[in-house]
Protein backbone atom coordinates (compact mmCIF):
# COMPACT_ATOMS: atom_id res chain seq x y z
CA UNK A 1 -13.35 -25.98 -19.50
CA UNK A 2 -16.37 -27.60 -20.55
CA UNK A 3 -18.38 -26.19 -23.29
CA UNK A 4 -22.08 -24.96 -22.80
CA UNK A 5 -24.49 -28.06 -24.19
CA UNK A 6 -25.03 -27.66 -28.30
CA UNK A 7 -29.28 -26.35 -26.59
CA UNK A 8 -28.12 -23.91 -24.42
CA UNK A 9 -24.77 -22.21 -26.50
CA UNK A 10 -27.20 -22.05 -30.03
CA UNK A 11 -29.63 -20.81 -26.96
CA UNK A 12 -26.92 -17.91 -25.95
CA UNK A 13 -25.85 -17.13 -28.73
CA UNK A 14 -29.41 -15.93 -30.91
CA UNK A 15 -29.85 -13.80 -27.45
CA UNK A 16 -26.38 -12.36 -27.22
CA UNK A 17 -24.99 -12.14 -30.89
CA UNK A 18 -27.73 -10.14 -31.88
CA UNK A 19 -26.64 -6.66 -32.37
CA UNK A 20 -28.56 -3.68 -31.96
CA UNK A 21 -29.28 -1.10 -34.14
CA UNK A 22 -27.99 -2.40 -37.07
CA UNK A 23 -24.68 -3.70 -35.59
CA UNK A 24 -24.49 -6.23 -37.80
CA UNK A 25 -24.64 -4.07 -40.84
CA UNK A 26 -20.67 -2.49 -40.58
CA UNK A 27 -17.60 -3.87 -39.60
CA UNK A 28 -16.64 -4.13 -35.75
CA UNK A 29 -13.85 -1.79 -33.88
CA UNK A 30 -12.33 -4.85 -32.20
CA UNK A 31 -13.21 -8.03 -31.76
CA UNK A 32 -12.22 -10.45 -28.99
CA UNK A 33 -11.93 -13.86 -30.04
CA UNK A 34 -11.63 -17.94 -28.38
CA UNK A 35 -11.11 -16.39 -25.19
CA UNK A 36 -12.79 -17.98 -22.42
CA UNK A 37 -15.65 -15.78 -21.44
CA UNK A 38 -17.45 -14.95 -17.90
CA UNK A 39 -19.54 -12.11 -18.53
CA UNK A 40 -20.19 -11.19 -15.01
CA UNK A 41 -23.14 -12.94 -13.61
CA UNK A 42 -23.58 -15.95 -15.83
CA UNK A 43 -21.95 -18.79 -17.05
CA UNK A 44 -18.63 -19.27 -19.30
CA UNK A 45 -18.24 -19.98 -22.22
CA UNK A 46 -15.59 -20.66 -25.07
CA UNK A 47 -16.52 -17.19 -26.82
CA UNK A 48 -16.42 -13.74 -28.58
CA UNK A 49 -16.66 -10.17 -27.70
CA UNK A 50 -17.31 -7.49 -30.98
CA UNK A 51 -17.21 -3.86 -29.66
CA UNK A 52 -18.20 -0.78 -31.48
CA UNK A 53 -16.99 2.56 -30.39
CA UNK A 54 -17.69 2.00 -26.32
CA UNK A 55 -19.97 -0.31 -26.29
CA UNK A 56 -20.60 -4.37 -26.55
CA UNK A 57 -22.31 -4.67 -29.99
CA UNK A 58 -22.21 -8.54 -30.08
CA UNK A 59 -21.57 -12.07 -27.63
CA UNK A 60 -21.56 -15.84 -27.55
CA UNK A 61 -19.97 -18.36 -29.22
CA UNK A 62 -18.72 -17.37 -32.85
CA UNK A 63 -19.45 -14.52 -33.51
CA UNK A 64 -19.75 -13.73 -37.17
CA UNK A 65 -18.23 -10.49 -38.60
CA UNK A 66 -15.23 -8.34 -39.69
CA UNK A 67 -13.48 -6.20 -37.51
CA UNK A 68 -10.85 -3.11 -38.25
CA UNK A 69 -8.65 -5.12 -35.18
CA UNK A 70 -8.70 -8.83 -33.56
CA UNK A 71 -6.99 -9.53 -30.31
CA UNK A 72 -6.94 -13.25 -30.01
CA UNK A 73 -7.81 -14.72 -27.08
CA UNK A 74 -7.28 -18.36 -27.13
CA UNK A 75 -5.89 -19.70 -23.74
CA UNK A 76 -7.00 -15.89 -21.54
CA UNK A 77 -10.08 -15.63 -19.25
CA UNK A 78 -12.01 -12.82 -20.57
CA UNK A 79 -14.06 -10.98 -17.95
CA UNK A 80 -15.66 -7.77 -17.21
CA UNK A 81 -13.08 -4.47 -16.36
CA UNK A 82 -12.83 -5.32 -12.47
CA UNK A 83 -14.65 -2.76 -10.23
CA UNK A 84 -12.93 -1.84 -6.98
CA UNK A 85 -15.29 0.19 -4.55
CA UNK A 86 -12.91 1.19 -2.03
CA UNK A 87 -9.38 3.44 -2.47
CA UNK A 88 -7.41 6.67 -2.00
CA UNK A 89 -6.29 7.41 -4.94
CA UNK A 90 -7.95 10.75 -6.18
CA UNK A 91 -4.67 11.70 -5.90
CA UNK A 92 -3.90 9.81 -9.46
CA UNK A 93 -7.11 10.88 -10.71
CA UNK A 94 -6.57 14.44 -10.35
CA UNK A 95 -2.27 14.54 -11.05
CA UNK A 96 -0.60 17.07 -12.77
CA UNK A 97 1.48 14.12 -14.84
CA UNK A 98 -0.97 12.54 -17.50
CA UNK A 99 0.97 9.57 -17.12
CA UNK A 100 -0.08 8.97 -13.38
CA UNK A 101 -3.92 9.80 -14.38
CA UNK A 102 -3.32 6.18 -16.35
CA UNK A 103 -3.92 5.03 -12.86
CA UNK A 104 -1.19 2.11 -13.74
CA UNK A 105 -1.31 -0.06 -10.80
CA UNK A 106 -4.99 -1.09 -11.30
CA UNK A 107 -5.24 -1.11 -15.12
CA UNK A 108 -2.60 -3.43 -14.65
CA UNK A 109 -4.28 -5.87 -12.73
CA UNK A 110 -7.22 -5.30 -15.23
CA UNK A 111 -9.34 -2.50 -12.93
CA UNK A 112 -11.07 -0.28 -15.36
CA UNK A 113 -13.51 1.76 -12.18
CA UNK A 114 -12.52 2.69 -9.18
CA UNK A 115 -14.61 4.54 -6.31
CA UNK A 116 -12.41 7.37 -4.84
CA UNK A 117 -13.89 9.80 -1.33
CA UNK A 118 -14.42 6.48 1.06
CA UNK A 119 -13.94 6.19 4.90
CA UNK A 120 -15.23 9.57 5.46
CA UNK A 121 -13.23 11.86 3.14
CA UNK A 122 -14.56 12.47 0.01
CA UNK A 123 -14.87 15.80 -0.82
CA UNK A 124 -17.80 18.45 -0.48
CA UNK A 125 -17.29 19.63 -4.03
CA UNK A 126 -18.11 16.38 -6.27
CA UNK A 127 -18.77 18.32 -8.76
CA UNK A 128 -15.90 19.46 -9.53
CA UNK A 129 -13.98 16.38 -8.64
CA UNK A 130 -15.81 14.85 -11.54
CA UNK A 131 -15.93 17.40 -14.43
CA UNK A 132 -12.12 17.05 -13.54
CA UNK A 133 -12.20 14.47 -15.58
CA UNK A 134 -13.07 16.25 -18.84
CA UNK A 135 -10.02 18.79 -18.22
CA UNK A 136 -7.85 16.19 -17.38
CA UNK A 137 -8.01 12.35 -18.45
CA UNK A 138 -7.42 9.74 -16.90
CA UNK A 139 -7.04 6.37 -17.63
CA UNK A 140 -10.04 4.48 -15.12
CA UNK A 141 -13.37 4.99 -14.84
CA UNK A 142 -14.60 6.69 -11.35
CA UNK A 143 -16.90 7.28 -8.82
CA UNK A 144 -17.18 9.43 -5.49
CA UNK A 145 -18.52 9.80 -2.43
CA UNK A 146 -19.08 12.55 -0.09
CA UNK A 147 -16.98 12.61 3.40
CA UNK A 148 -18.83 12.71 6.42
CA UNK A 149 -15.65 13.63 7.70
CA UNK A 150 -14.75 16.24 5.50
CA UNK A 151 -18.27 17.78 5.84
CA UNK A 152 -17.97 17.43 10.00
CA UNK A 153 -14.91 19.14 9.98
CA UNK A 154 -15.97 21.92 7.62
CA UNK A 155 -19.41 22.81 9.98
CA UNK A 156 -17.96 21.76 13.43
CA UNK A 157 -14.22 21.07 14.02
CA UNK A 158 -12.52 19.00 15.75
CA UNK A 159 -14.86 19.02 19.07
CA UNK A 160 -16.55 16.24 20.24
CA UNK A 161 -19.52 17.09 20.75
CA UNK A 162 -22.76 17.20 19.06
CA UNK A 163 -23.79 18.99 16.46
CA UNK A 164 -26.58 21.61 17.07
CA UNK A 165 -30.20 21.72 15.26
CA UNK A 166 -28.68 24.30 12.44
CA UNK A 167 -25.41 22.60 12.25
CA UNK A 168 -27.40 19.41 11.69
CA UNK A 169 -29.09 20.70 9.29
CA UNK A 170 -26.06 22.35 7.42
CA UNK A 171 -24.11 19.33 7.14
CA UNK A 172 -27.51 17.47 5.48
CA UNK A 173 -27.77 20.26 3.02
CA UNK A 174 -23.97 19.93 2.33
CA UNK A 175 -24.84 15.96 1.52
CA UNK A 176 -28.12 16.98 -0.59
CA UNK A 177 -26.13 19.05 -2.64
CA UNK A 178 -23.14 16.81 -3.41
CA UNK A 179 -25.90 13.81 -4.27
CA UNK A 180 -27.48 16.46 -6.57
CA UNK A 181 -23.79 16.71 -8.27
CA UNK A 182 -23.40 13.08 -8.65
CA UNK A 183 -22.78 11.66 -5.38
CA UNK A 184 -22.55 8.07 -5.15
CA UNK A 185 -23.93 8.39 -1.50
CA UNK A 186 -21.97 9.22 1.72
CA UNK A 187 -18.56 7.75 3.11
CA UNK A 188 -17.47 7.40 6.25
CA UNK A 189 -15.00 6.70 8.64
CA UNK A 190 -16.63 6.43 12.54
CA UNK A 191 -13.01 5.05 13.91
CA UNK A 192 -11.33 8.22 12.96
CA UNK A 193 -11.57 11.54 14.35
CA UNK A 194 -13.80 14.23 14.15
CA UNK A 195 -16.04 11.05 13.02
CA UNK A 196 -15.55 9.55 15.82
CA UNK A 197 -17.11 11.92 18.44
CA UNK A 198 -20.69 11.67 16.59
CA UNK A 199 -22.76 9.92 17.79
CA UNK A 200 -25.50 7.84 15.62
CA UNK A 201 -28.47 10.29 15.13
CA UNK A 202 -26.53 12.51 13.66
CA UNK A 203 -24.85 9.86 11.02
CA UNK A 204 -28.68 9.03 10.40
CA UNK A 205 -29.68 12.34 9.73
CA UNK A 206 -27.07 12.69 6.87
CA UNK A 207 -27.42 8.79 5.12
CA UNK A 208 -30.98 9.37 5.62
CA UNK A 209 -30.67 12.31 3.35
CA UNK A 210 -28.10 10.68 0.78
CA UNK A 211 -31.03 7.87 1.05
CA UNK A 212 -34.03 9.84 0.22
CA UNK A 213 -31.46 11.08 -2.72
CA UNK A 214 -31.30 7.51 -3.94
CA UNK A 215 -27.81 6.94 -2.73
CA UNK A 216 -26.06 4.44 -0.44
CA UNK A 217 -24.07 4.63 3.15
CA UNK A 218 -20.48 3.62 2.54
CA UNK A 219 -18.90 2.74 6.33
CA UNK A 220 -15.50 2.10 7.71
CA UNK A 221 -17.18 0.68 11.22
CA UNK A 222 -16.43 3.07 14.26
CA UNK A 223 -14.62 -0.22 15.67
CA UNK A 224 -12.99 -3.53 14.21
CA UNK A 225 -11.28 -4.44 16.72
CA UNK A 226 -11.92 -3.31 21.02
CA UNK A 227 -10.84 0.50 20.80
CA UNK A 228 -14.14 1.76 22.09
CA UNK A 229 -17.36 -0.22 21.78
CA UNK A 230 -15.42 -3.58 19.37
CA UNK A 231 -16.31 -5.08 16.67
CA UNK A 232 -19.63 -6.36 17.75
CA UNK A 233 -21.10 -2.84 18.51
CA UNK A 234 -20.11 -1.52 15.66
CA UNK A 235 -21.63 -3.47 13.32
CA UNK A 236 -24.74 -3.34 14.94
CA UNK A 237 -24.72 0.30 14.79
CA UNK A 238 -23.91 -0.08 11.39
CA UNK A 239 -27.06 -2.49 10.75
CA UNK A 240 -29.45 -0.05 12.52
CA UNK A 241 -28.22 3.56 10.64
CA UNK A 242 -29.21 1.34 7.75
CA UNK A 243 -32.91 0.36 9.14
CA UNK A 244 -33.23 3.89 10.84
CA UNK A 245 -32.27 6.12 7.85
CA UNK A 246 -33.52 2.97 4.88
CA UNK A 247 -30.91 3.49 2.77
CA UNK A 248 -28.16 0.37 1.89
CA UNK A 249 -25.29 -0.19 3.30
CA UNK A 250 -21.85 -1.36 2.56
CA UNK A 251 -19.47 -1.92 4.80
CA UNK A 252 -15.26 -1.12 3.83
CA UNK A 253 -12.98 -3.41 4.21
CA UNK A 254 -14.56 -5.73 6.61
CA UNK A 255 -12.11 -7.63 9.30
CA UNK A 256 -11.36 -8.67 12.82
CA UNK A 257 -8.49 -6.86 13.62
CA UNK A 258 -5.88 -7.43 16.43
CA UNK A 259 -5.59 -10.45 18.45
CA UNK A 260 -8.54 -9.78 20.77
CA UNK A 261 -10.79 -10.51 18.20
CA UNK A 262 -9.37 -13.08 15.77
CA UNK A 263 -11.96 -15.57 15.41
CA UNK A 264 -15.30 -13.41 15.48
CA UNK A 265 -15.93 -13.70 11.64
CA UNK A 266 -18.57 -16.63 11.93
CA UNK A 267 -20.20 -14.27 14.80
CA UNK A 268 -20.65 -10.39 12.52
CA UNK A 269 -21.44 -13.01 8.91
CA UNK A 270 -24.65 -14.20 11.34
CA UNK A 271 -25.29 -10.46 11.96
CA UNK A 272 -24.95 -9.71 8.19
CA UNK A 273 -27.14 -12.93 7.41
CA UNK A 274 -29.73 -11.99 9.81
CA UNK A 275 -30.11 -8.33 8.40
CA UNK A 276 -30.04 -9.21 4.96
CA UNK A 277 -32.75 -12.17 5.91
CA UNK A 278 -35.11 -9.28 7.57
CA UNK A 279 -34.80 -7.06 4.10
CA UNK A 280 -32.28 -5.10 5.13
CA UNK A 281 -29.46 -4.03 2.27
CA UNK A 282 -26.36 -5.09 3.50
CA UNK A 283 -22.76 -5.78 1.60
CA UNK A 284 -19.13 -5.71 2.46
CA UNK A 285 -15.86 -5.14 0.79
CA UNK A 286 -12.62 -6.52 1.67
CA UNK A 287 -8.98 -7.01 0.20
CA UNK A 288 -6.65 -9.97 0.55
CA UNK A 289 -4.03 -9.61 2.97
CA UNK A 290 -3.31 -9.66 6.19
CA UNK A 291 -2.25 -6.21 7.09
CA UNK A 292 -4.08 -3.20 7.37
CA UNK A 293 -2.71 0.47 6.60
CA UNK A 294 -3.80 3.17 8.74
CA UNK A 295 -1.59 5.67 10.30
CA UNK A 296 0.64 5.64 13.57
CA UNK A 297 -1.86 8.13 15.39
CA UNK A 298 -5.21 6.58 14.37
CA UNK A 299 -3.48 2.89 15.61
CA UNK A 300 -1.99 3.92 18.34
CA UNK A 301 -3.34 7.50 20.60
CA UNK A 302 -6.63 7.21 21.91
CA UNK A 303 -9.40 8.61 21.18
CA UNK A 304 -10.28 10.94 24.41
CA UNK A 305 -6.80 12.32 23.52
CA UNK A 306 -7.50 13.32 20.11
CA UNK A 307 -10.68 16.17 21.13
CA UNK A 308 -9.44 19.29 19.48
CA UNK A 309 -7.19 18.16 16.67
CA UNK A 310 -3.39 17.51 16.24
CA UNK A 311 -1.83 20.73 17.73
CA UNK A 312 -4.08 19.70 21.34
CA UNK A 313 -2.80 15.49 21.16
CA UNK A 314 0.93 17.36 20.48
CA UNK A 315 -0.17 19.81 23.77
CA UNK A 316 -0.70 16.29 25.36
CA UNK A 317 2.22 14.56 24.94
CA UNK A 318 4.02 17.43 25.87
CA UNK A 319 1.98 18.27 29.49
CA UNK A 320 3.25 16.22 32.41
CA UNK A 321 -0.58 15.53 33.90
CA UNK A 322 -1.82 14.01 30.40
CA UNK A 323 0.85 12.51 29.22
CA UNK A 324 1.44 9.59 31.30
CA UNK A 325 -2.55 8.54 30.32
CA UNK A 326 -1.42 9.08 26.56
CA UNK A 327 1.00 6.36 27.05
CA UNK A 328 -1.35 4.02 28.40
CA UNK A 329 -3.69 4.11 26.38
CA UNK A 330 -1.00 4.22 22.96
CA UNK A 331 0.71 0.64 24.96
CA UNK A 332 -2.95 -1.04 25.35
CA UNK A 333 -3.13 -0.17 21.30
CA UNK A 334 -0.32 -1.59 20.49
CA UNK A 335 -1.03 -4.59 22.71
CA UNK A 336 -4.08 -4.87 20.46
CA UNK A 337 -2.46 -4.23 17.41
CA UNK A 338 0.46 -7.35 18.42
CA UNK A 339 2.53 -5.19 19.68
CA UNK A 340 5.82 -3.22 17.89
CA UNK A 341 6.61 -5.67 15.89
CA UNK A 342 3.33 -5.83 13.94
CA UNK A 343 3.59 -1.98 12.68
CA UNK A 344 5.37 -1.29 9.36
CA UNK A 345 6.60 2.41 9.07
CA UNK A 346 5.35 3.20 4.90
CA UNK A 347 6.34 6.65 5.27
CA UNK A 348 9.27 9.04 6.16
CA UNK A 349 12.15 9.19 7.62
CA UNK A 350 11.38 5.27 8.99
CA UNK A 351 10.01 4.63 5.73
CA UNK A 352 10.47 0.39 5.69
CA UNK A 353 11.45 0.02 9.06
CA UNK A 354 9.18 -2.09 11.87
CA UNK A 355 7.85 -0.29 14.54
CA UNK A 356 9.79 -2.38 17.17
CA UNK A 357 13.61 -1.90 15.07
CA UNK A 358 13.09 2.16 15.15
CA UNK A 359 12.79 1.85 19.62
CA UNK A 360 16.01 0.03 18.72
CA UNK A 361 17.90 2.21 16.95
CA UNK A 362 16.66 4.82 19.00
CA UNK A 363 17.65 3.33 22.36
CA UNK A 364 14.45 4.03 24.13
CA UNK A 365 11.05 1.38 24.02
CA UNK A 366 8.59 1.20 22.01
CA UNK A 367 5.89 4.44 22.97
CA UNK A 368 8.63 6.32 23.25
CA UNK A 369 9.50 5.73 19.39
CA UNK A 370 6.57 5.87 18.71
CA UNK A 371 6.00 9.47 20.15
CA UNK A 372 9.21 10.81 18.55
CA UNK A 373 7.76 9.86 15.03
CA UNK A 374 4.88 11.11 15.81
CA UNK A 375 5.71 14.25 16.24
CA UNK A 376 7.62 14.56 13.56
CA UNK A 377 3.78 13.72 11.88
CA UNK A 378 1.69 11.35 11.38
CA UNK A 379 2.92 8.94 9.27
CA UNK A 380 1.34 5.92 7.70
CA UNK A 381 1.89 2.37 8.93
CA UNK A 382 1.17 -1.19 7.72
CA UNK A 383 -0.26 -3.01 10.39
CA UNK A 384 0.12 -7.03 11.24
CA UNK A 385 -3.66 -7.75 12.44
CA UNK A 386 -5.28 -10.47 11.14
CA UNK A 387 -5.79 -14.11 11.11
CA UNK A 388 -6.43 -15.84 7.73
CA UNK A 389 -9.25 -17.86 9.10
CA UNK A 390 -10.77 -14.90 9.54
CA UNK A 391 -9.98 -13.38 5.66
CA UNK A 392 -11.13 -16.79 4.09
CA UNK A 393 -14.80 -16.89 6.21
CA UNK A 394 -15.50 -12.61 4.92
CA UNK A 395 -14.38 -13.67 1.36
CA UNK A 396 -16.79 -17.02 0.55
CA UNK A 397 -19.95 -14.46 1.40
CA UNK A 398 -21.40 -13.70 -2.19
CA UNK A 399 -22.23 -10.45 -0.12
CA UNK A 400 -18.13 -9.85 0.23
CA UNK A 401 -16.61 -8.15 -2.71
CA UNK A 402 -13.17 -7.43 -3.60
CA UNK A 403 -11.89 -3.85 -3.07
CA UNK A 404 -7.96 -2.47 -2.44
CA UNK A 405 -8.64 0.41 0.38
CA UNK A 406 -5.37 1.54 -2.13
CA UNK A 407 -2.95 3.88 -0.20
CA UNK A 408 0.30 4.55 -0.13
CA UNK A 409 3.37 2.13 1.23
CA UNK A 410 1.12 -1.03 0.99
CA UNK A 411 1.34 -3.84 -1.88
CA UNK A 412 -2.72 -4.02 -2.21
CA UNK A 413 -2.62 -0.98 -4.37
CA UNK A 414 -0.75 -2.51 -6.99
CA UNK A 415 -1.91 -5.67 -6.59
CA UNK A 416 -5.09 -6.31 -4.57
CA UNK A 417 -7.11 -7.67 -7.26
CA UNK A 418 -4.02 -9.95 -8.06
CA UNK A 419 -3.58 -10.88 -5.28
CA UNK A 420 -7.01 -12.65 -4.77
CA UNK A 421 -7.03 -14.30 -7.91
CA UNK A 422 -3.67 -15.79 -7.40
CA UNK A 423 -3.24 -16.67 -3.32
CA UNK A 424 -7.64 -17.28 -2.99
CA UNK A 425 -8.21 -19.00 -6.52
CA UNK A 426 -5.45 -20.64 -7.73
CA UNK A 427 -3.53 -21.73 -5.08
CA UNK A 428 -5.77 -22.24 -1.50
CA UNK A 429 -8.92 -22.56 -4.14
CA UNK A 430 -11.06 -20.57 -1.13
CA UNK A 431 -12.73 -19.08 -3.78
CA UNK A 432 -13.61 -19.85 -7.69
CA UNK A 433 -12.38 -17.89 -10.76
CA UNK A 434 -16.37 -17.59 -11.37
CA UNK A 435 -17.09 -16.30 -7.76
CA UNK A 436 -13.93 -14.36 -7.78
CA UNK A 437 -15.11 -12.54 -11.38
CA UNK A 438 -18.75 -12.14 -10.33
CA UNK A 439 -17.48 -10.43 -6.73
CA UNK A 440 -15.46 -7.73 -8.65
CA UNK A 441 -17.70 -6.88 -11.79
CA UNK A 442 -21.06 -7.76 -11.54
CA UNK A 443 -21.64 -7.90 -7.98
CA UNK A 444 -20.05 -4.55 -7.18
CA UNK A 445 -21.22 -2.90 -9.68
CA UNK A 446 -25.76 -3.99 -8.67
CA UNK A 447 -24.35 -2.57 -4.99
CA UNK A 448 -22.58 0.62 -6.32
CA UNK A 449 -25.46 1.17 -8.52
CA UNK A 450 -23.37 1.76 -11.91
CA UNK A 451 -25.47 0.78 -15.11
CA UNK A 452 -24.16 -0.26 -18.28
CA UNK A 453 -21.00 -1.82 -16.35
CA UNK A 454 -19.79 -4.63 -14.74
CA UNK A 455 -20.70 -7.21 -17.35
CA UNK A 456 -20.30 -8.30 -20.77
CA UNK A 457 -23.45 -7.89 -22.30
CA UNK A 458 -24.91 -6.06 -25.22
CA UNK A 459 -25.25 -2.94 -25.08
CA UNK A 460 -22.87 -2.56 -21.86
CA UNK A 461 -19.80 -0.15 -22.16
CA UNK A 462 -17.07 -2.35 -23.49
CA UNK A 463 -14.97 -2.35 -20.30
CA UNK A 464 -12.53 -6.10 -20.68
CA UNK A 465 -9.83 -7.78 -18.40
CA UNK A 466 -8.39 -10.64 -20.70
CA UNK A 467 -5.42 -12.49 -18.58
CA UNK A 468 -3.50 -15.98 -18.42
CA UNK A 469 -5.08 -17.96 -16.19
CA UNK A 470 -1.21 -19.13 -15.34
CA UNK A 471 0.37 -15.78 -14.93
CA UNK A 472 -1.54 -13.53 -13.55
CA UNK A 473 -0.44 -12.73 -9.90
CA UNK A 474 1.20 -9.46 -8.05
CA UNK A 475 4.08 -8.81 -7.79
CA UNK A 476 4.27 -6.32 -4.79
CA UNK A 477 4.88 -6.91 -1.35
CA UNK A 478 5.22 -5.51 1.98
CA UNK A 479 9.05 -4.48 1.27
CA UNK A 480 8.68 -3.40 -2.72
CA UNK A 481 4.63 -2.26 -2.22
CA UNK A 482 4.93 -0.56 -5.64
CA UNK A 483 5.77 -3.14 -8.04
CA UNK A 484 3.22 -3.79 -10.92
CA UNK A 485 0.90 -6.81 -11.44
CA UNK A 486 1.48 -9.56 -14.40
CA UNK A 487 -0.24 -11.68 -16.38
CA UNK A 488 -2.60 -8.71 -17.71
CA UNK A 489 -2.42 -8.74 -21.59
CA UNK A 490 -5.26 -6.36 -22.51
CA UNK A 491 -7.47 -4.00 -20.57
CA UNK A 492 -10.02 -1.65 -22.80
CA UNK A 493 -11.66 0.80 -20.73
CA UNK A 494 -14.66 2.56 -22.91
CA UNK A 495 -13.96 0.38 -25.94
CA UNK A 496 -10.05 1.45 -26.69
CA UNK A 497 -7.46 -0.43 -25.46
CA UNK A 498 -5.63 0.56 -22.45
CA UNK A 499 -3.33 -1.55 -21.32
CA UNK A 500 -1.53 -4.89 -23.74
CA UNK A 501 1.32 -7.06 -22.95
CA UNK A 502 1.14 -6.07 -20.09
CA UNK A 503 2.02 -2.50 -20.97
CA UNK A 504 0.12 0.66 -21.16
CA UNK A 505 -0.60 1.71 -24.93
CA UNK A 506 -0.86 5.63 -23.31
CA UNK A 507 -4.73 6.13 -23.96
CA UNK A 508 -7.08 8.05 -21.45
CA UNK A 509 -10.22 7.08 -21.69
CA UNK A 510 -11.59 6.57 -18.60
CA UNK A 511 -14.95 8.83 -17.54
CA UNK A 512 -15.96 10.09 -14.57
CA UNK A 513 -19.53 8.15 -13.65
CA UNK A 514 -21.92 10.46 -11.57
CA UNK A 515 -25.26 9.14 -9.45
CA UNK A 516 -28.75 10.46 -10.67
CA UNK A 517 -30.43 11.16 -8.11
CA UNK A 518 -34.79 10.07 -8.36
CA UNK A 519 -36.88 13.58 -10.66
CA UNK A 520 -37.02 16.37 -8.88
CA UNK A 521 -34.74 15.66 -5.88
CA UNK A 522 -32.43 17.82 -6.88
CA UNK A 523 -33.26 22.14 -8.69
CA UNK A 524 -31.46 21.08 -11.88
CA UNK A 525 -30.76 17.77 -13.12
CA UNK A 526 -29.73 19.12 -16.48
CA UNK A 527 -26.36 18.07 -15.52
């Protein structure tokens, strides 16, 4: 690793190691010595990081002073703790089991902060979720979106129609309250019913409310393929929502899903670049896998058949007058996905089997097999549907950050950050090490508006990851998705060691992170 020029090193040392509040007058609690430090958003250097309490108090080449404990990081990479902007980990964070609440799959990858409530599934009662961390300690920091799907289902139900004026007013009131309780913004999953029954004006109204409260709009696009409006039109809609609502927009798990849209990444990148050039804050996250994760119903059943909810869908499957139309739509959607061999069932009786295998075992065709599975429940599936050229094209963009979309049955829970480093940095060199770290830390913190995290900087919270550049990698696979990553040596959360030598310490030092709206926007901002 190249050293900084002497003059620059002296300047950096002078600016970074002068601790605030008399920090040099007493020993440090922790001192991380001799690692190659990637501070997040700045050039790397070889040096040290000193921590007192939950904050970084000194950083730079050759920090002077003693510490209660020193960690030898020679030969290691030292970075800010990674920030995951899109997860489905609420169940882990609220689990009665204290060990599960440590969120080992994330700590083993250096993830110290995660966002929940994505895809429109965020809670309405944000305060209850965030307050829970005080009652049941967690291993990582977390923030939350309120969800359009949750809100729409509560106000309108499963009906395929626009809201009345009164219903829209009630929806926006829920968004306003959630923002006052600490939500980062509002998330949508416009691909999923009943959110998919909405039109743009409804979404704009709710997004505008979140924007007025200083929040952001996080979205699973209405179409990542060519199911309905098509990928390009869905991106256009998202950009229009951001413009009309006056809100930053973050596209979740950006991709070109399915054989019909492979190769579209450059055209989508051009659309985003044009919007950014026009002054809109448009960003995206991405997970480094060629397979997505969703449900059997969402991947195969046509939208019109979901009007009214699950029971209405099941009735259509039993009705001879409608069943054939449903089957035709399912066959078209299976073709989009690439065929029965591309759907791996992630839960239930057929867990670990491809739909093609299930059909063979049932001595029937894939659509009949899928319907039989759906009748028992809406199982999760892993869907192999992306092209590597599109994955790499999106990954190279400076406005695309790392995310996992962590959900059960998919290796992205246990391996997304580790895989991105091992495969796309070390092996394929799609990204530089600095780009990987910056877009897993500082850039993500800036997008989400998370203060004092995502950078190794004096005064910032001490969320730190120390990993071996030669061995940090994912072990999770599609066949064995729950294998923890390797190569992460030490992880520090809010100044406390949460993982050491690749093993949990049992420390639950995570915190709930609340967004604070601008002054005067909430009746009581003492929270």
